[in-house]
């Protein structure tokens, strides 16, 4: 029987330092748009869409994996 409401115990971690090292912190600006928080309208800023221009991540040789160059985030 699966655990009910397992999402409560689930956590996703992003390895930012490793990501920045592998991409050499090099990105191309694709677009930008204004941002305003829905919870607090006084919080505003800019949302950026960036394109990864370099990726030196070792994905291994046992599986064919796409690399992240030209991926937008």
PDB file of N, CA and C in Angstrom:
ATOM      1  N   UNK A   1       0.847  -1.170   0.000  1.00  0.00           N
ATOM      2  CA  UNK A   1       0.000   0.000   0.000  1.00  0.00           C
ATOM      3  C   UNK A   1       0.897   1.239   0.000  1.00  0.00           C
ATOM      4  N   UNK A   2       0.673   2.198  -0.926  1.00  0.00           N
ATOM      5  CA  UNK A   2       1.494   3.403  -0.965  1.00  0.00           C
ATOM      6  C   UNK A   2       1.211   4.320   0.225  1.00  0.00           C
ATOM      7  N   UNK A   3       2.184   5.144   0.534  1.00  0.00           N
ATOM      8  CA  UNK A   3       2.041   6.107   1.626  1.00  0.00           C
ATOM      9  C   UNK A   3       1.086   7.216   1.178  1.00  0.00           C
ATOM     10  N   UNK A   4       0.089   7.498   1.989  1.00  0.00           N
ATOM     11  CA  UNK A   4      -0.854   8.574   1.685  1.00  0.00           C
ATOM     12  C   UNK A   4      -0.192   9.925   1.948  1.00  0.00           C
ATOM     13  N   UNK A   5      -0.444  10.875   1.086  1.00  0.00           N
ATOM     14  CA  UNK A   5       0.088  12.240   1.222  1.00  0.00           C
ATOM     15  C   UNK A   5       1.609  12.271   1.342  1.00  0.00           C
ATOM     16  N   UNK A   6       2.287  11.481   0.517  1.00  0.00           N
ATOM     17  CA  UNK A   6       3.751  11.414   0.565  1.00  0.00           C
ATOM     18  C   UNK A   6       4.409  12.738   0.190  1.00  0.00           C
ATOM     19  N   UNK A   7       3.690  13.623  -0.494  1.00  0.00           N
ATOM     20  CA  UNK A   7       4.258  14.900  -0.904  1.00  0.00           C
ATOM     21  C   UNK A   7       4.711  15.726   0.297  1.00  0.00           C
ATOM     22  N   UNK A   8       4.134  15.483   1.458  1.00  0.00           N
ATOM     23  CA  UNK A   8       4.520  16.222   2.664  1.00  0.00           C
ATOM     24  C   UNK A   8       5.976  15.941   3.015  1.00  0.00           C
ATOM     25  N   UNK A   9       6.455  14.753   2.685  1.00  0.00           N
ATOM     26  CA  UNK A   9       7.807  14.334   3.045  1.00  0.00           C
ATOM     27  C   UNK A   9       8.790  14.473   1.884  1.00  0.00           C
ATOM     28  N   UNK A  10       8.351  14.982   0.757  1.00  0.00           N
ATOM     29  CA  UNK A  10       9.181  15.087  -0.434  1.00  0.00           C
ATOM     30  C   UNK A  10       9.828  16.465  -0.500  1.00  0.00           C
ATOM     31  N   UNK A  11      11.085  16.493  -0.923  1.00  0.00           N
ATOM     32  CA  UNK A  11      11.815  17.749  -1.028  1.00  0.00           C
ATOM     33  C   UNK A  11      12.698  17.699  -2.268  1.00  0.00           C
ATOM     34  N   UNK A  12      12.709  18.771  -3.029  1.00  0.00           N
ATOM     35  CA  UNK A  12      13.565  18.874  -4.198  1.00  0.00           C
ATOM     36  C   UNK A  12      14.667  19.871  -3.882  1.00  0.00           C
ATOM     37  N   UNK A  13      15.906  19.473  -4.133  1.00  0.00           N
ATOM     38  CA  UNK A  13      17.040  20.363  -3.884  1.00  0.00           C
ATOM     39  C   UNK A  13      17.741  20.646  -5.206  1.00  0.00           C
ATOM     40  N   UNK A  14      18.070  21.894  -5.429  1.00  0.00           N
ATOM     41  CA  UNK A  14      18.788  22.316  -6.619  1.00  0.00           C
ATOM     42  C   UNK A  14      20.219  22.619  -6.208  1.00  0.00           C
ATOM     43  N   UNK A  15      21.183  21.965  -6.831  1.00  0.00           N
ATOM     44  CA  UNK A  15      22.599  22.161  -6.503  1.00  0.00           C
ATOM     45  C   UNK A  15      23.109  23.382  -7.268  1.00  0.00           C
ATOM     46  N   UNK A  16      22.832  24.561  -6.732  1.00  0.00           N
ATOM     47  CA  UNK A  16      23.142  25.815  -7.418  1.00  0.00           C
ATOM     48  C   UNK A  16      24.636  25.991  -7.656  1.00  0.00           C
ATOM     49  N   UNK A  17      25.472  25.681  -6.671  1.00  0.00           N
ATOM     50  CA  UNK A  17      26.914  25.859  -6.833  1.00  0.00           C
ATOM     51  C   UNK A  17      27.452  24.979  -7.952  1.00  0.00           C
ATOM     52  N   UNK A  18      26.989  23.732  -8.016  1.00  0.00           N
ATOM     53  CA  UNK A  18      27.424  22.812  -9.069  1.00  0.00           C
ATOM     54  C   UNK A  18      26.917  23.285 -10.438  1.00  0.00           C
ATOM     55  N   UNK A  19      25.684  23.761 -10.484  1.00  0.00           N
ATOM     56  CA  UNK A  19      25.110  24.273 -11.731  1.00  0.00           C
ATOM     57  C   UNK A  19      25.917  25.462 -12.248  1.00  0.00           C
ATOM     58  N   UNK A  20      26.228  26.412 -11.373  1.00  0.00           N
ATOM     59  CA  UNK A  20      26.995  27.591 -11.779  1.00  0.00           C
ATOM     60  C   UNK A  20      28.403  27.221 -12.224  1.00  0.00           C
ATOM     61  N   UNK A  21      29.028  26.250 -11.558  1.00  0.00           N
ATOM     62  CA  UNK A  21      30.368  25.813 -11.947  1.00  0.00           C
ATOM     63  C   UNK A  21      30.345  25.143 -13.321  1.00  0.00           C
ATOM     64  N   UNK A  22      29.355  24.294 -13.579  1.00  0.00           N
ATOM     65  CA  UNK A  22      29.288  23.565 -14.846  1.00  0.00           C
ATOM     66  C   UNK A  22      28.888  24.451 -16.022  1.00  0.00           C
ATOM     67  N   UNK A  23      28.130  25.493 -15.772  1.00  0.00           N
ATOM     68  CA  UNK A  23      27.719  26.397 -16.852  1.00  0.00           C
ATOM     69  C   UNK A  23      28.612  27.635 -16.922  1.00  0.00           C
ATOM     70  N   UNK A  24      29.592  27.731 -16.034  1.00  0.00           N
ATOM     71  CA  UNK A  24      30.513  28.873 -15.952  1.00  0.00           C
ATOM     72  C   UNK A  24      29.759  30.189 -15.792  1.00  0.00           C
ATOM     73  N   UNK A  25      28.519  30.103 -15.313  1.00  0.00           N
ATOM     74  CA  UNK A  25      27.686  31.282 -15.072  1.00  0.00           C
ATOM     75  C   UNK A  25      27.553  32.145 -16.333  1.00  0.00           C
ATOM     76  N   UNK A  26      27.504  31.480 -17.514  1.00  0.00           N
ATOM     77  CA  UNK A  26      27.373  32.176 -18.793  1.00  0.00           C
ATOM     78  C   UNK A  26      25.994  31.898 -19.384  1.00  0.00           C
ATOM     79  N   UNK A  27      25.205  32.957 -19.560  1.00  0.00           N
ATOM     80  CA  UNK A  27      23.853  32.833 -20.090  1.00  0.00           C
ATOM     81  C   UNK A  27      23.596  33.992 -21.041  1.00  0.00           C
ATOM     82  N   UNK A  28      22.630  33.815 -21.928  1.00  0.00           N
ATOM     83  CA  UNK A  28      22.221  34.887 -22.830  1.00  0.00           C
ATOM     84  C   UNK A  28      20.807  35.315 -22.436  1.00  0.00           C
ATOM     85  N   UNK A  29      20.591  36.614 -22.366  1.00  0.00           N
ATOM     86  CA  UNK A  29      19.273  37.146 -22.036  1.00  0.00           C
ATOM     87  C   UNK A  29      18.344  36.969 -23.237  1.00  0.00           C
ATOM     88  N   UNK A  30      17.238  36.259 -23.034  1.00  0.00           N
ATOM     89  CA  UNK A  30      16.262  36.027 -24.098  1.00  0.00           C
ATOM     90  C   UNK A  30      15.135  37.048 -24.006  1.00  0.00           C
ATOM     91  N   UNK A  31      14.599  37.219 -22.804  1.00  0.00           N
ATOM     92  CA  UNK A  31      13.517  38.190 -22.634  1.00  0.00           C
ATOM     93  C   UNK A  31      13.422  38.602 -21.174  1.00  0.00           C
ATOM     94  N   UNK A  32      12.705  39.676 -20.957  1.00  0.00           N
ATOM     95  CA  UNK A  32      12.418  40.121 -19.599  1.00  0.00           C
ATOM     96  C   UNK A  32      11.026  40.723 -19.584  1.00  0.00           C
ATOM     97  N   UNK A  33      10.350  40.588 -18.438  1.00  0.00           N
ATOM     98  CA  UNK A  33       9.013  41.154 -18.287  1.00  0.00           C
ATOM     99  C   UNK A  33       8.837  41.591 -16.841  1.00  0.00           C
ATOM    100  N   UNK A  34       7.956  42.530 -16.600  1.00  0.00           N
ATOM    101  CA  UNK A  34       7.725  42.995 -15.234  1.00  0.00           C
ATOM    102  C   UNK A  34       7.109  41.899 -14.373  1.00  0.00           C
ATOM    103  N   UNK A  35       7.432  41.927 -13.102  1.00  0.00           N
ATOM    104  CA  UNK A  35       6.894  40.959 -12.144  1.00  0.00           C
ATOM    105  C   UNK A  35       6.329  41.715 -10.954  1.00  0.00           C
ATOM    106  N   UNK A  36       5.143  41.309 -10.508  1.00  0.00           N
ATOM    107  CA  UNK A  36       4.542  41.821  -9.279  1.00  0.00           C
ATOM    108  C   UNK A  36       4.004  40.642  -8.494  1.00  0.00           C
ATOM    109  N   UNK A  37       4.341  40.565  -7.225  1.00  0.00           N
ATOM    110  CA  UNK A  37       3.896  39.473  -6.368  1.00  0.00           C
ATOM    111  C   UNK A  37       2.383  39.514  -6.192  1.00  0.00           C
ATOM    112  N   UNK A  38       1.745  38.336  -6.275  1.00  0.00           N
ATOM    113  CA  UNK A  38       0.297  38.263  -6.059  1.00  0.00           C
ATOM    114  C   UNK A  38      -0.040  38.383  -4.577  1.00  0.00           C
ATOM    115  N   UNK A  39       0.852  37.902  -3.719  1.00  0.00           N
ATOM    116  CA  UNK A  39       0.603  37.962  -2.279  1.00  0.00           C
ATOM    117  C   UNK A  39       0.838  39.360  -1.725  1.00  0.00           C
ATOM    118  N   UNK A  40       1.871  40.030  -2.239  1.00  0.00           N
ATOM    119  CA  UNK A  40       2.202  41.367  -1.760  1.00  0.00           C
ATOM    120  C   UNK A  40       2.471  42.257  -2.975  1.00  0.00           C
ATOM    121  N   UNK A  41       1.490  43.010  -3.437  1.00  0.00           N
ATOM    122  CA  UNK A  41       1.657  43.841  -4.637  1.00  0.00           C
ATOM    123  C   UNK A  41       2.783  44.872  -4.537  1.00  0.00           C
ATOM    124  N   UNK A  42       3.249  45.161  -3.323  1.00  0.00           N
ATOM    125  CA  UNK A  42       4.363  46.101  -3.170  1.00  0.00           C
ATOM    126  C   UNK A  42       5.688  45.491  -3.611  1.00  0.00           C
ATOM    127  N   UNK A  43       5.747  44.153  -3.675  1.00  0.00           N
ATOM    128  CA  UNK A  43       6.958  43.473  -4.139  1.00  0.00           C
ATOM    129  C   UNK A  43       6.898  43.379  -5.656  1.00  0.00           C
ATOM    130  N   UNK A  44       7.792  44.068  -6.319  1.00  0.00           N
ATOM    131  CA  UNK A  44       7.821  44.027  -7.776  1.00  0.00           C
ATOM    132  C   UNK A  44       9.260  43.907  -8.240  1.00  0.00           C
ATOM    133  N   UNK A  45       9.414  43.512  -9.485  1.00  0.00           N
ATOM    134  CA  UNK A  45      10.743  43.339 -10.045  1.00  0.00           C
ATOM    135  C   UNK A  45      10.638  42.945 -11.506  1.00  0.00           C
ATOM    136  N   UNK A  46      11.587  42.130 -11.950  1.00  0.00           N
ATOM    137  CA  UNK A  46      11.658  41.708 -13.343  1.00  0.00           C
ATOM    138  C   UNK A  46      11.853  40.205 -13.385  1.00  0.00           C
ATOM    139  N   UNK A  47      11.129  39.521 -14.277  1.00  0.00           N
ATOM    140  CA  UNK A  47      11.324  38.098 -14.527  1.00  0.00           C
ATOM    141  C   UNK A  47      12.174  37.963 -15.781  1.00  0.00           C
ATOM    142  N   UNK A  48      13.268  37.210 -15.686  1.00  0.00           N
ATOM    143  CA  UNK A  48      14.169  37.016 -16.818  1.00  0.00           C
ATOM    144  C   UNK A  48      14.019  35.620 -17.394  1.00  0.00           C
ATOM    145  N   UNK A  49      14.152  35.502 -18.711  1.00  0.00           N
ATOM    146  CA  UNK A  49      14.294  34.207 -19.369  1.00  0.00           C
ATOM    147  C   UNK A  49      15.713  34.171 -19.909  1.00  0.00           C
ATOM    148  N   UNK A  50      16.491  33.185 -19.459  1.00  0.00           N
ATOM    149  CA  UNK A  50      17.897  33.083 -19.829  1.00  0.00           C
ATOM    150  C   UNK A  50      18.143  31.825 -20.648  1.00  0.00           C
ATOM    151  N   UNK A  51      19.145  31.866 -21.516  1.00  0.00           N
ATOM    152  CA  UNK A  51      19.547  30.736 -22.342  1.00  0.00           C
ATOM    153  C   UNK A  51      20.916  30.269 -21.873  1.00  0.00           C
ATOM    154  N   UNK A  52      21.062  28.989 -21.588  1.00  0.00           N
ATOM    155  CA  UNK A  52      22.350  28.431 -21.168  1.00  0.00           C
ATOM    156  C   UNK A  52      23.264  28.378 -22.388  1.00  0.00           C
ATOM    157  N   UNK A  53      24.462  28.951 -22.295  1.00  0.00           N
ATOM    158  CA  UNK A  53      25.377  28.978 -23.435  1.00  0.00           C
ATOM    159  C   UNK A  53      26.541  28.012 -23.293  1.00  0.00           C
ATOM    160  N   UNK A  54      26.743  27.446 -22.111  1.00  0.00           N
ATOM    161  CA  UNK A  54      27.845  26.506 -21.902  1.00  0.00           C
ATOM    162  C   UNK A  54      27.425  25.491 -20.851  1.00  0.00           C
ATOM    163  N   UNK A  55      27.760  24.216 -21.080  1.00  0.00           N
ATOM    164  CA  UNK A  55      27.417  23.160 -20.124  1.00  0.00           C
ATOM    165  C   UNK A  55      28.520  22.115 -20.140  1.00  0.00           C
ATOM    166  N   UNK A  56      29.238  21.982 -19.037  1.00  0.00           N
ATOM    167  CA  UNK A  56      30.323  21.004 -18.931  1.00  0.00           C
ATOM    168  C   UNK A  56      29.987  19.892 -17.943  1.00  0.00           C
ATOM    169  N   UNK A  57      28.713  19.584 -17.782  1.00  0.00           N
ATOM    170  CA  UNK A  57      28.285  18.539 -16.862  1.00  0.00           C
ATOM    171  C   UNK A  57      28.620  17.175 -17.434  1.00  0.00           C
ATOM    172  N   UNK A  58      29.187  16.304 -16.603  1.00  0.00           N
ATOM    173  CA  UNK A  58      29.464  14.922 -16.998  1.00  0.00           C
ATOM    174  C   UNK A  58      28.224  14.093 -16.707  1.00  0.00           C
ATOM    175  N   UNK A  59      27.547  13.649 -17.752  1.00  0.00           N
ATOM    176  CA  UNK A  59      26.320  12.876 -17.584  1.00  0.00           C
ATOM    177  C   UNK A  59      26.572  11.378 -17.584  1.00  0.00           C
ATOM    178  N   UNK A  60      27.797  10.957 -17.840  1.00  0.00           N
ATOM    179  CA  UNK A  60      28.105   9.533 -17.883  1.00  0.00           C
ATOM    180  C   UNK A  60      28.021   9.004 -19.302  1.00  0.00           C
ATOM    181  N   UNK A  61      28.498   7.781 -19.483  1.00  0.00           N
ATOM    182  CA  UNK A  61      28.529   7.195 -20.821  1.00  0.00           C
ATOM    183  C   UNK A  61      27.515   6.076 -20.992  1.00  0.00           C
ATOM    184  N   UNK A  62      26.871   5.644 -19.914  1.00  0.00           N
ATOM    185  CA  UNK A  62      25.949   4.517 -20.014  1.00  0.00           C
ATOM    186  C   UNK A  62      24.586   4.907 -20.572  1.00  0.00           C
ATOM    187  N   UNK A  63      24.266   6.194 -20.582  1.00  0.00           N
ATOM    188  CA  UNK A  63      22.973   6.637 -21.092  1.00  0.00           C
ATOM    189  C   UNK A  63      23.174   7.832 -22.005  1.00  0.00           C
ATOM    190  N   UNK A  64      22.379   7.887 -23.060  1.00  0.00           N
ATOM    191  CA  UNK A  64      22.416   9.053 -23.929  1.00  0.00           C
ATOM    192  C   UNK A  64      21.560  10.133 -23.280  1.00  0.00           C
ATOM    193  N   UNK A  65      22.178  11.267 -22.950  1.00  0.00           N
ATOM    194  CA  UNK A  65      21.455  12.361 -22.311  1.00  0.00           C
ATOM    195  C   UNK A  65      21.679  13.636 -23.106  1.00  0.00           C
ATOM    196  N   UNK A  66      20.647  14.446 -23.157  1.00  0.00           N
ATOM    197  CA  UNK A  66      20.777  15.754 -23.785  1.00  0.00           C
ATOM    198  C   UNK A  66      21.554  16.671 -22.856  1.00  0.00           C
ATOM    199  N   UNK A  67      22.300  17.571 -23.415  1.00  0.00           N
ATOM    200  CA  UNK A  67      22.993  18.563 -22.621  1.00  0.00           C
ATOM    201  C   UNK A  67      22.124  19.806 -22.559  1.00  0.00           C
ATOM    202  N   UNK A  68      22.487  20.752 -21.735  1.00  0.00           N
ATOM    203  CA  UNK A  68      21.620  21.893 -21.457  1.00  0.00           C
ATOM    204  C   UNK A  68      21.889  23.123 -22.312  1.00  0.00           C
ATOM    205  N   UNK A  69      22.858  23.051 -23.227  1.00  0.00           N
ATOM    206  CA  UNK A  69      23.130  24.214 -24.056  1.00  0.00           C
ATOM    207  C   UNK A  69      21.892  24.493 -24.901  1.00  0.00           C
ATOM    208  N   UNK A  70      21.534  25.720 -25.031  1.00  0.00           N
ATOM    209  CA  UNK A  70      20.340  26.245 -25.710  1.00  0.00           C
ATOM    210  C   UNK A  70      19.044  25.930 -24.968  1.00  0.00           C
ATOM    211  N   UNK A  71      19.128  25.526 -23.714  1.00  0.00           N
ATOM    212  CA  UNK A  71      17.932  25.342 -22.898  1.00  0.00           C
ATOM    213  C   UNK A  71      17.626  26.656 -22.193  1.00  0.00           C
ATOM    214  N   UNK A  72      16.368  27.052 -22.221  1.00  0.00           N
ATOM    215  CA  UNK A  72      15.974  28.300 -21.565  1.00  0.00           C
ATOM    216  C   UNK A  72      15.367  28.009 -20.205  1.00  0.00           C
ATOM    217  N   UNK A  73      15.623  28.897 -19.254  1.00  0.00           N
ATOM    218  CA  UNK A  73      15.025  28.772 -17.925  1.00  0.00           C
ATOM    219  C   UNK A  73      14.708  30.134 -17.386  1.00  0.00           C
TER     220      UNK A  73
END
